[in-house]
Structures are given as structure tokens and as C-alpha cells.
PDB file of N, CA and C in Angstrom:
ATOM      1  N   MET A   1       1.140   3.754  10.229  1.00  0.00           N
ATOM      2  CA  MET A   1       0.431   2.618  10.764  1.00  0.00           C
ATOM      3  C   MET A   1      -0.040   1.732   9.612  1.00  0.00           C
ATOM      4  N   LEU A   2       0.182   0.460   9.728  1.00  0.00           N
ATOM      5  CA  LEU A   2      -0.215  -0.481   8.694  1.00  0.00           C
ATOM      6  C   LEU A   2      -1.687  -0.846   8.840  1.00  0.00           C
ATOM      7  N   ILE A   3      -2.368  -0.909   7.714  1.00  0.00           N
ATOM      8  CA  ILE A   3      -3.773  -1.315   7.691  1.00  0.00           C
ATOM      9  C   ILE A   3      -3.813  -2.811   7.415  1.00  0.00           C
ATOM     10  N   PRO A   4      -4.543  -3.593   8.210  1.00  0.00           N
ATOM     11  CA  PRO A   4      -4.651  -5.030   7.936  1.00  0.00           C
ATOM     12  C   PRO A   4      -5.187  -5.276   6.526  1.00  0.00           C
ATOM     13  N   LEU A   5      -4.648  -6.289   5.861  1.00  0.00           N
ATOM     14  CA  LEU A   5      -5.030  -6.583   4.480  1.00  0.00           C
ATOM     15  C   LEU A   5      -6.543  -6.727   4.289  1.00  0.00           C
ATOM     16  N   PRO A   6      -7.272  -7.433   5.148  1.00  0.00           N
ATOM     17  CA  PRO A   6      -8.724  -7.524   4.940  1.00  0.00           C
ATOM     18  C   PRO A   6      -9.404  -6.150   4.940  1.00  0.00           C
ATOM     19  N   ASP A   7      -8.978  -5.264   5.836  1.00  0.00           N
ATOM     20  CA  ASP A   7      -9.573  -3.923   5.896  1.00  0.00           C
ATOM     21  C   ASP A   7      -9.214  -3.109   4.658  1.00  0.00           C
ATOM     22  N   LEU A   8      -7.990  -3.246   4.193  1.00  0.00           N
ATOM     23  CA  LEU A   8      -7.549  -2.527   2.995  1.00  0.00           C
ATOM     24  C   LEU A   8      -8.347  -2.973   1.769  1.00  0.00           C
ATOM     25  N   VAL A   9      -8.451  -4.284   1.581  1.00  0.00           N
ATOM     26  CA  VAL A   9      -9.173  -4.817   0.417  1.00  0.00           C
ATOM     27  C   VAL A   9     -10.648  -4.442   0.495  1.00  0.00           C
ATOM     28  N   ARG A  10     -11.237  -4.533   1.681  1.00  0.00           N
ATOM     29  CA  ARG A  10     -12.652  -4.170   1.850  1.00  0.00           C
ATOM     30  C   ARG A  10     -12.868  -2.704   1.459  1.00  0.00           C
ATOM     31  N   ALA A  11     -11.982  -1.819   1.898  1.00  0.00           N
ATOM     32  CA  ALA A  11     -12.093  -0.394   1.559  1.00  0.00           C
ATOM     33  C   ALA A  11     -11.958  -0.175   0.050  1.00  0.00           C
ATOM     34  N   GLN A  12     -11.010  -0.886  -0.567  1.00  0.00           N
ATOM     35  CA  GLN A  12     -10.827  -0.757  -2.021  1.00  0.00           C
ATOM     36  C   GLN A  12     -12.085  -1.212  -2.760  1.00  0.00           C
ATOM     37  N   LEU A  13     -12.662  -2.317  -2.308  1.00  0.00           N
ATOM     38  CA  LEU A  13     -13.861  -2.840  -2.963  1.00  0.00           C
ATOM     39  C   LEU A  13     -15.042  -1.893  -2.789  1.00  0.00           C
ATOM     40  N   LEU A  14     -15.181  -1.308  -1.620  1.00  0.00           N
ATOM     41  CA  LEU A  14     -16.279  -0.365  -1.395  1.00  0.00           C
ATOM     42  C   LEU A  14     -16.160   0.850  -2.306  1.00  0.00           C
ATOM     43  N   GLU A  15     -14.938   1.302  -2.556  1.00  0.00           N
ATOM     44  CA  GLU A  15     -14.711   2.434  -3.456  1.00  0.00           C
ATOM     45  C   GLU A  15     -15.052   2.087  -4.905  1.00  0.00           C
ATOM     46  N   ARG A  16     -15.000   0.797  -5.234  1.00  0.00           N
ATOM     47  CA  ARG A  16     -15.194   0.372  -6.632  1.00  0.00           C
ATOM     48  C   ARG A  16     -16.392  -0.566  -6.773  1.00  0.00           C
ATOM     49  N   ARG A  17     -17.447  -0.302  -6.013  1.00  0.00           N
ATOM     50  CA  ARG A  17     -18.615  -1.183  -5.957  1.00  0.00           C
ATOM     51  C   ARG A  17     -19.169  -1.525  -7.344  1.00  0.00           C
ATOM     52  N   GLY A  18     -19.283  -0.605  -8.229  1.00  0.00           N
ATOM     53  CA  GLY A  18     -19.833  -0.872  -9.555  1.00  0.00           C
ATOM     54  C   GLY A  18     -18.959  -1.755 -10.429  1.00  0.00           C
ATOM     55  N   GLU A  19     -17.725  -1.951 -10.026  1.00  0.00           N
ATOM     56  CA  GLU A  19     -16.778  -2.743 -10.816  1.00  0.00           C
ATOM     57  C   GLU A  19     -16.633  -4.181 -10.320  1.00  0.00           C
ATOM     58  N   TRP A  20     -17.417  -4.585  -9.331  1.00  0.00           N
ATOM     59  CA  TRP A  20     -17.256  -5.913  -8.746  1.00  0.00           C
ATOM     60  C   TRP A  20     -17.312  -7.061  -9.746  1.00  0.00           C
ATOM     61  N   PRO A  21     -18.233  -7.057 -10.724  1.00  0.00           N
ATOM     62  CA  PRO A  21     -18.230  -8.179 -11.681  1.00  0.00           C
ATOM     63  C   PRO A  21     -16.894  -8.311 -12.417  1.00  0.00           C
ATOM     64  N   ASN A  22     -16.341  -7.192 -12.851  1.00  0.00           N
ATOM     65  CA  ASN A  22     -15.058  -7.231 -13.557  1.00  0.00           C
ATOM     66  C   ASN A  22     -13.926  -7.615 -12.611  1.00  0.00           C
ATOM     67  N   ILE A  23     -13.926  -7.051 -11.415  1.00  0.00           N
ATOM     68  CA  ILE A  23     -12.892  -7.388 -10.432  1.00  0.00           C
ATOM     69  C   ILE A  23     -12.941  -8.878 -10.119  1.00  0.00           C
ATOM     70  N   ALA A  24     -14.152  -9.394  -9.909  1.00  0.00           N
ATOM     71  CA  ALA A  24     -14.304 -10.821  -9.590  1.00  0.00           C
ATOM     72  C   ALA A  24     -13.732 -11.687 -10.698  1.00  0.00           C
ATOM     73  N   GLU A  25     -14.070 -11.353 -11.929  1.00  0.00           N
ATOM     74  CA  GLU A  25     -13.583 -12.149 -13.061  1.00  0.00           C
ATOM     75  C   GLU A  25     -12.058 -12.080 -13.181  1.00  0.00           C
ATOM     76  N   GLN A  26     -11.515 -10.883 -13.075  1.00  0.00           N
ATOM     77  CA  GLN A  26     -10.075 -10.706 -13.248  1.00  0.00           C
ATOM     78  C   GLN A  26      -9.263 -11.308 -12.106  1.00  0.00           C
ATOM     79  N   ALA A  27      -9.827 -11.315 -10.885  1.00  0.00           N
ATOM     80  CA  ALA A  27      -9.102 -11.832  -9.723  1.00  0.00           C
ATOM     81  C   ALA A  27      -9.472 -13.284  -9.420  1.00  0.00           C
ATOM     82  N   ASP A  28     -10.294 -13.874 -10.263  1.00  0.00           N
ATOM     83  CA  ASP A  28     -10.678 -15.282 -10.135  1.00  0.00           C
ATOM     84  C   ASP A  28     -11.371 -15.589  -8.805  1.00  0.00           C
ATOM     85  N   VAL A  29     -12.337 -14.741  -8.456  1.00  0.00           N
ATOM     86  CA  VAL A  29     -13.233 -14.998  -7.323  1.00  0.00           C
ATOM     87  C   VAL A  29     -14.646 -14.726  -7.811  1.00  0.00           C
ATOM     88  N   SER A  30     -15.638 -15.181  -7.075  1.00  0.00           N
ATOM     89  CA  SER A  30     -17.014 -14.940  -7.508  1.00  0.00           C
ATOM     90  C   SER A  30     -17.501 -13.581  -7.011  1.00  0.00           C
ATOM     91  N   HIS A  31     -18.449 -13.027  -7.739  1.00  0.00           N
ATOM     92  CA  HIS A  31     -19.086 -11.779  -7.325  1.00  0.00           C
ATOM     93  C   HIS A  31     -19.739 -11.978  -5.955  1.00  0.00           C
ATOM     94  N   SER A  32     -20.322 -13.157  -5.748  1.00  0.00           N
ATOM     95  CA  SER A  32     -20.958 -13.487  -4.470  1.00  0.00           C
ATOM     96  C   SER A  32     -19.937 -13.444  -3.332  1.00  0.00           C
ATOM     97  N   TRP A  33     -18.740 -13.986  -3.567  1.00  0.00           N
ATOM     98  CA  TRP A  33     -17.704 -13.979  -2.536  1.00  0.00           C
ATOM     99  C   TRP A  33     -17.359 -12.543  -2.159  1.00  0.00           C
ATOM    100  N   ILE A  34     -17.200 -11.687  -3.168  1.00  0.00           N
ATOM    101  CA  ILE A  34     -16.865 -10.280  -2.902  1.00  0.00           C
ATOM    102  C   ILE A  34     -17.961  -9.640  -2.055  1.00  0.00           C
ATOM    103  N   SER A  35     -19.209  -9.855  -2.425  1.00  0.00           N
ATOM    104  CA  SER A  35     -20.326  -9.279  -1.677  1.00  0.00           C
ATOM    105  C   SER A  35     -20.331  -9.757  -0.225  1.00  0.00           C
ATOM    106  N   LYS A  36     -20.145 -11.043  -0.038  1.00  0.00           N
ATOM    107  CA  LYS A  36     -20.119 -11.596   1.325  1.00  0.00           C
ATOM    108  C   LYS A  36     -18.929 -11.048   2.112  1.00  0.00           C
ATOM    109  N   PHE A  37     -17.790 -10.948   1.481  1.00  0.00           N
ATOM    110  CA  PHE A  37     -16.602 -10.436   2.160  1.00  0.00           C
ATOM    111  C   PHE A  37     -16.807  -8.990   2.600  1.00  0.00           C
ATOM    112  N   VAL A  38     -17.296  -8.157   1.696  1.00  0.00           N
ATOM    113  CA  VAL A  38     -17.500  -6.748   2.014  1.00  0.00           C
ATOM    114  C   VAL A  38     -18.503  -6.595   3.162  1.00  0.00           C
ATOM    115  N   ASN A  39     -19.497  -7.471   3.206  1.00  0.00           N
ATOM    116  CA  ASN A  39     -20.510  -7.421   4.265  1.00  0.00           C
ATOM    117  C   ASN A  39     -20.106  -8.207   5.514  1.00  0.00           C
ATOM    118  N   LYS A  40     -18.832  -8.586   5.586  1.00  0.00           N
ATOM    119  CA  LYS A  40     -18.230  -9.258   6.749  1.00  0.00           C
ATOM    120  C   LYS A  40     -18.914 -10.583   7.099  1.00  0.00           C
ATOM    121  N   ARG A  41     -19.320 -11.317   6.050  1.00  0.00           N
ATOM    122  CA  ARG A  41     -19.920 -12.639   6.271  1.00  0.00           C
ATOM    123  C   ARG A  41     -18.941 -13.768   5.977  1.00  0.00           C
ATOM    124  N   ILE A  42     -17.681 -13.424   5.715  1.00  0.00           N
ATOM    125  CA  ILE A  42     -16.630 -14.437   5.541  1.00  0.00           C
ATOM    126  C   ILE A  42     -15.614 -14.188   6.651  1.00  0.00           C
ATOM    127  N   PRO A  43     -15.671 -15.002   7.712  1.00  0.00           N
ATOM    128  CA  PRO A  43     -14.819 -14.740   8.874  1.00  0.00           C
ATOM    129  C   PRO A  43     -13.324 -14.932   8.607  1.00  0.00           C
ATOM    130  N   ASN A  44     -12.958 -15.841   7.716  1.00  0.00           N
ATOM    131  CA  ASN A  44     -11.552 -16.100   7.420  1.00  0.00           C
ATOM    132  C   ASN A  44     -11.386 -16.147   5.898  1.00  0.00           C
ATOM    133  N   PRO A  45     -11.214 -14.986   5.255  1.00  0.00           N
ATOM    134  CA  PRO A  45     -11.237 -14.936   3.790  1.00  0.00           C
ATOM    135  C   PRO A  45     -10.053 -15.589   3.093  1.00  0.00           C
ATOM    136  N   GLY A  46      -8.952 -15.788   3.742  1.00  0.00           N
ATOM    137  CA  GLY A  46      -7.790 -16.418   3.105  1.00  0.00           C
ATOM    138  C   GLY A  46      -6.850 -15.389   2.518  1.00  0.00           C
ATOM    139  N   TYR A  47      -5.602 -15.527   2.891  1.00  0.00           N
ATOM    140  CA  TYR A  47      -4.590 -14.562   2.455  1.00  0.00           C
ATOM    141  C   TYR A  47      -4.428 -14.539   0.937  1.00  0.00           C
ATOM    142  N   ALA A  48      -4.380 -15.700   0.301  1.00  0.00           N
ATOM    143  CA  ALA A  48      -4.132 -15.765  -1.144  1.00  0.00           C
ATOM    144  C   ALA A  48      -5.221 -15.016  -1.923  1.00  0.00           C
ATOM    145  N   THR A  49      -6.465 -15.176  -1.517  1.00  0.00           N
ATOM    146  CA  THR A  49      -7.573 -14.495  -2.202  1.00  0.00           C
ATOM    147  C   THR A  49      -7.470 -12.988  -2.008  1.00  0.00           C
ATOM    148  N   LEU A  50      -7.213 -12.562  -0.785  1.00  0.00           N
ATOM    149  CA  LEU A  50      -7.076 -11.129  -0.515  1.00  0.00           C
ATOM    150  C   LEU A  50      -5.894 -10.535  -1.265  1.00  0.00           C
ATOM    151  N   ALA A  51      -4.787 -11.262  -1.309  1.00  0.00           N
ATOM    152  CA  ALA A  51      -3.601 -10.778  -2.027  1.00  0.00           C
ATOM    153  C   ALA A  51      -3.892 -10.630  -3.515  1.00  0.00           C
ATOM    154  N   ARG A  52      -4.626 -11.598  -4.104  1.00  0.00           N
ATOM    155  CA  ARG A  52      -4.987 -11.525  -5.525  1.00  0.00           C
ATOM    156  C   ARG A  52      -5.869 -10.315  -5.798  1.00  0.00           C
ATOM    157  N   LEU A  53      -6.849 -10.099  -4.953  1.00  0.00           N
ATOM    158  CA  LEU A  53      -7.731  -8.945  -5.119  1.00  0.00           C
ATOM    159  C   LEU A  53      -6.946  -7.640  -4.992  1.00  0.00           C
ATOM    160  N   ASN A  54      -6.124  -7.558  -3.974  1.00  0.00           N
ATOM    161  CA  ASN A  54      -5.329  -6.352  -3.748  1.00  0.00           C
ATOM    162  C   ASN A  54      -4.399  -6.086  -4.924  1.00  0.00           C
ATOM    163  N   GLU A  55      -3.735  -7.121  -5.393  1.00  0.00           N
ATOM    164  CA  GLU A  55      -2.816  -6.965  -6.525  1.00  0.00           C
ATOM    165  C   GLU A  55      -3.566  -6.496  -7.772  1.00  0.00           C
ATOM    166  N   PHE A  56      -4.719  -7.113  -8.049  1.00  0.00           N
ATOM    167  CA  PHE A  56      -5.468  -6.708  -9.235  1.00  0.00           C
ATOM    168  C   PHE A  56      -5.923  -5.254  -9.119  1.00  0.00           C
ATOM    169  N   MET A  57      -6.486  -4.899  -7.974  1.00  0.00           N
ATOM    170  CA  MET A  57      -7.014  -3.532  -7.837  1.00  0.00           C
ATOM    171  C   MET A  57      -5.895  -2.499  -7.887  1.00  0.00           C
ATOM    172  N   ASN A  58      -4.729  -2.815  -7.365  1.00  0.00           N
ATOM    173  CA  ASN A  58      -3.610  -1.879  -7.452  1.00  0.00           C
ATOM    174  C   ASN A  58      -3.092  -1.752  -8.872  1.00  0.00           C
ATOM    175  N   SER A  59      -3.042  -2.856  -9.608  1.00  0.00           N
ATOM    176  CA  SER A  59      -2.573  -2.788 -10.997  1.00  0.00           C
ATOM    177  C   SER A  59      -3.639  -2.172 -11.894  1.00  0.00           C
ATOM    178  N   ALA A  60      -4.906  -2.381 -11.575  1.00  0.00           N
ATOM    179  CA  ALA A  60      -5.998  -1.857 -12.402  1.00  0.00           C
ATOM    180  C   ALA A  60      -6.107  -0.340 -12.290  1.00  0.00           C
ATOM    181  N   GLN A  61      -5.597   0.239 -11.215  1.00  0.00           N
ATOM    182  CA  GLN A  61      -5.647   1.693 -11.073  1.00  0.00           C
ATOM    183  C   GLN A  61      -4.711   2.369 -12.068  1.00  0.00           C
ATOM    184  N   LYS A  62      -3.741   1.637 -12.580  1.00  0.00           N
ATOM    185  CA  LYS A  62      -2.766   2.185 -13.505  1.00  0.00           C
ATOM    186  C   LYS A  62      -3.198   2.042 -14.961  1.00  0.00           C
ATOM    187  N   GLN A  63      -4.259   1.262 -15.196  1.00  0.00           N
ATOM    188  CA  GLN A  63      -4.711   1.023 -16.556  1.00  0.00           C
ATOM    189  C   GLN A  63      -6.230   0.941 -16.580  1.00  0.00           C
ATOM    190  N   PRO A  64      -6.853   1.161 -17.729  1.00  0.00           N
ATOM    191  CA  PRO A  64      -8.307   1.077 -17.786  1.00  0.00           C
ATOM    192  C   PRO A  64      -8.776  -0.342 -17.479  1.00  0.00           C
ATOM    193  N   PRO A  65      -9.985  -0.497 -16.908  1.00  0.00           N
ATOM    194  CA  PRO A  65     -10.471  -1.836 -16.591  1.00  0.00           C
ATOM    195  C   PRO A  65     -10.651  -2.676 -17.845  1.00  0.00           C
ATOM    196  N   ALA A  66     -10.331  -3.940 -17.722  1.00  0.00           N
ATOM    197  CA  ALA A  66     -10.499  -4.871 -18.839  1.00  0.00           C
ATOM    198  C   ALA A  66     -11.981  -5.151 -19.019  1.00  0.00           C
ATOM    199  N   PRO A  67     -12.428  -5.326 -20.259  1.00  0.00           N
ATOM    200  CA  PRO A  67     -13.840  -5.643 -20.470  1.00  0.00           C
ATOM    201  C   PRO A  67     -14.181  -7.012 -19.891  1.00  0.00           C
ATOM    202  N   THR A  68     -15.390  -7.133 -19.376  1.00  0.00           N
ATOM    203  CA  THR A  68     -15.831  -8.413 -18.835  1.00  0.00           C
ATOM    204  C   THR A  68     -16.044  -9.397 -19.975  1.00  0.00           C
ATOM    205  N   HIS A  69     -16.161 -10.658 -19.617  1.00  0.00           N
ATOM    206  CA  HIS A  69     -16.403 -11.702 -20.611  1.00  0.00           C
ATOM    207  C   HIS A  69     -17.704 -11.408 -21.372  1.00  0.00           C
ATOM    208  N   GLN A  70     -18.739 -10.958 -20.653  1.00  0.00           N
ATOM    209  CA  GLN A  70     -20.018 -10.647 -21.302  1.00  0.00           C
ATOM    210  C   GLN A  70     -19.846  -9.518 -22.313  1.00  0.00           C
ATOM    211  N   ALA A  71     -19.070  -8.504 -21.954  1.00  0.00           N
ATOM    212  CA  ALA A  71     -18.852  -7.391 -22.874  1.00  0.00           C
ATOM    213  C   ALA A  71     -18.083  -7.848 -24.105  1.00  0.00           C
ATOM    214  N   GLN A  72     -17.113  -8.720 -23.914  1.00  0.00           N
ATOM    215  CA  GLN A  72     -16.346  -9.243 -25.041  1.00  0.00           C
ATOM    216  C   GLN A  72     -17.249 -10.030 -25.983  1.00  0.00           C
ATOM    217  N   GLU A  73     -18.137 -10.857 -25.426  1.00  0.00           N
ATOM    218  CA  GLU A  73     -19.063 -11.650 -26.240  1.00  0.00           C
ATOM    219  C   GLU A  73     -20.028 -10.745 -26.996  1.00  0.00           C
ATOM    220  N   ALA A  74     -20.538  -9.722 -26.325  1.00  0.00           N
ATOM    221  CA  ALA A  74     -21.472  -8.805 -26.976  1.00  0.00           C
ATOM    222  C   ALA A  74     -20.799  -8.090 -28.141  1.00  0.00           C
ATOM    223  N   THR A  75     -19.565  -7.662 -27.944  1.00  0.00           N
ATOM    224  CA  THR A  75     -18.816  -6.997 -29.010  1.00  0.00           C
ATOM    225  C   THR A  75     -18.602  -7.944 -30.184  1.00  0.00           C
ATOM    226  N   LYS A  76     -18.265  -9.185 -29.885  1.00  0.00           N
ATOM    227  CA  LYS A  76     -18.047 -10.186 -30.930  1.00  0.00           C
ATOM    228  C   LYS A  76     -19.338 -10.427 -31.710  1.00  0.00           C
ATOM    229  N   ASN A  77     -20.467 -10.530 -31.004  1.00  0.00           N
ATOM    230  CA  ASN A  77     -21.750 -10.770 -31.668  1.00  0.00           C
ATOM    231  C   ASN A  77     -22.134  -9.605 -32.569  1.00  0.00           C
ATOM    232  N   VAL A  78     -21.911  -8.383 -32.116  1.00  0.00           N
ATOM    233  CA  VAL A  78     -22.229  -7.216 -32.930  1.00  0.00           C
ATOM    234  C   VAL A  78     -21.373  -7.203 -34.190  1.00  0.00           C
ATOM    235  N   ALA A  79     -20.098  -7.523 -34.050  1.00  0.00           N
ATOM    236  CA  ALA A  79     -19.200  -7.552 -35.201  1.00  0.00           C
ATOM    237  C   ALA A  79     -19.633  -8.632 -36.206  1.00  0.00           C
ATOM    238  N   GLN A  80     -20.053  -9.786 -35.700  1.00  0.00           N
ATOM    239  CA  GLN A  80     -20.514 -10.863 -36.577  1.00  0.00           C
ATOM    240  C   GLN A  80     -21.789 -10.475 -37.301  1.00  0.00           C
ATOM    241  N   GLU A  81     -22.713  -9.828 -36.592  1.00  0.00           N
ATOM    242  CA  GLU A  81     -23.949  -9.386 -37.217  1.00  0.00           C
ATOM    243  C   GLU A  81     -23.682  -8.332 -38.281  1.00  0.00           C
ATOM    244  N   ALA A  82     -22.755  -7.436 -38.016  1.00  0.00           N
ATOM    245  CA  ALA A  82     -22.412  -6.386 -38.973  1.00  0.00           C
ATOM    246  C   ALA A  82     -21.788  -6.984 -40.235  1.00  0.00           C
ATOM    247  N   ALA A  83     -21.052  -8.059 -40.070  1.00  0.00           N
ATOM    248  CA  ALA A  83     -20.407  -8.717 -41.200  1.00  0.00           C
ATOM    249  C   ALA A  83     -21.413  -9.379 -42.127  1.00  0.00           C
ATOM    250  N   HIS A  84     -22.576  -9.752 -41.573  1.00  0.00           N
ATOM    251  CA  HIS A  84     -23.615 -10.422 -42.353  1.00  0.00           C
ATOM    252  C   HIS A  84     -24.600  -9.458 -43.010  1.00  0.00           C
ATOM    253  N   VAL A  85     -24.431  -8.177 -42.757  1.00  0.00           N
ATOM    254  CA  VAL A  85     -25.372  -7.183 -43.324  1.00  0.00           C
ATOM    255  C   VAL A  85     -24.957  -6.754 -44.683  1.00  0.00           C
TER     256      VAL A  85
END
């Protein structure tokens, strides 16, 4: 039996709740959109957005999660500070 794409993506997101900021950034949606979608406050989420989320989450299961933009900046700042010591 096929699971409708919105239900599949919602289930995937619920399993990875702590990763929403990274998922949002990588799939080019807002964290707020993900939260609203999971809580069923977006009646028509759009196929393209759901497909992007599904594709990212399926590919991300095969590799470690990419660092968020904030994590990349923090790493860069630490490296710069270390260079000045």
C-alpha cells in the first residue's frame, strides 16, 4: 500500500525532530514551515516542497548531516581566533 507523500514526509520529520533546522536549510524551506506542516496547519503544502524534503531526508540517511550555516560560522570564528593567538 502506498503512503501519501504528505503523510510520509510528516512521519520522516517527526522521527528527526531535532534536525529540523538543518533539514530546513538543506531543503530550502523555513523551520517555521516545517513546524506548521507537521502540526497540520498547512492544508495544501505543495508537491515540489514535499518532494524536496523527501529527497533530502532520503539522501541524508545515507550520509552524515551537513553542518548548519551557524555551525559553519562558529567553526570559522574559532579557527580565526586560534590563528590570532
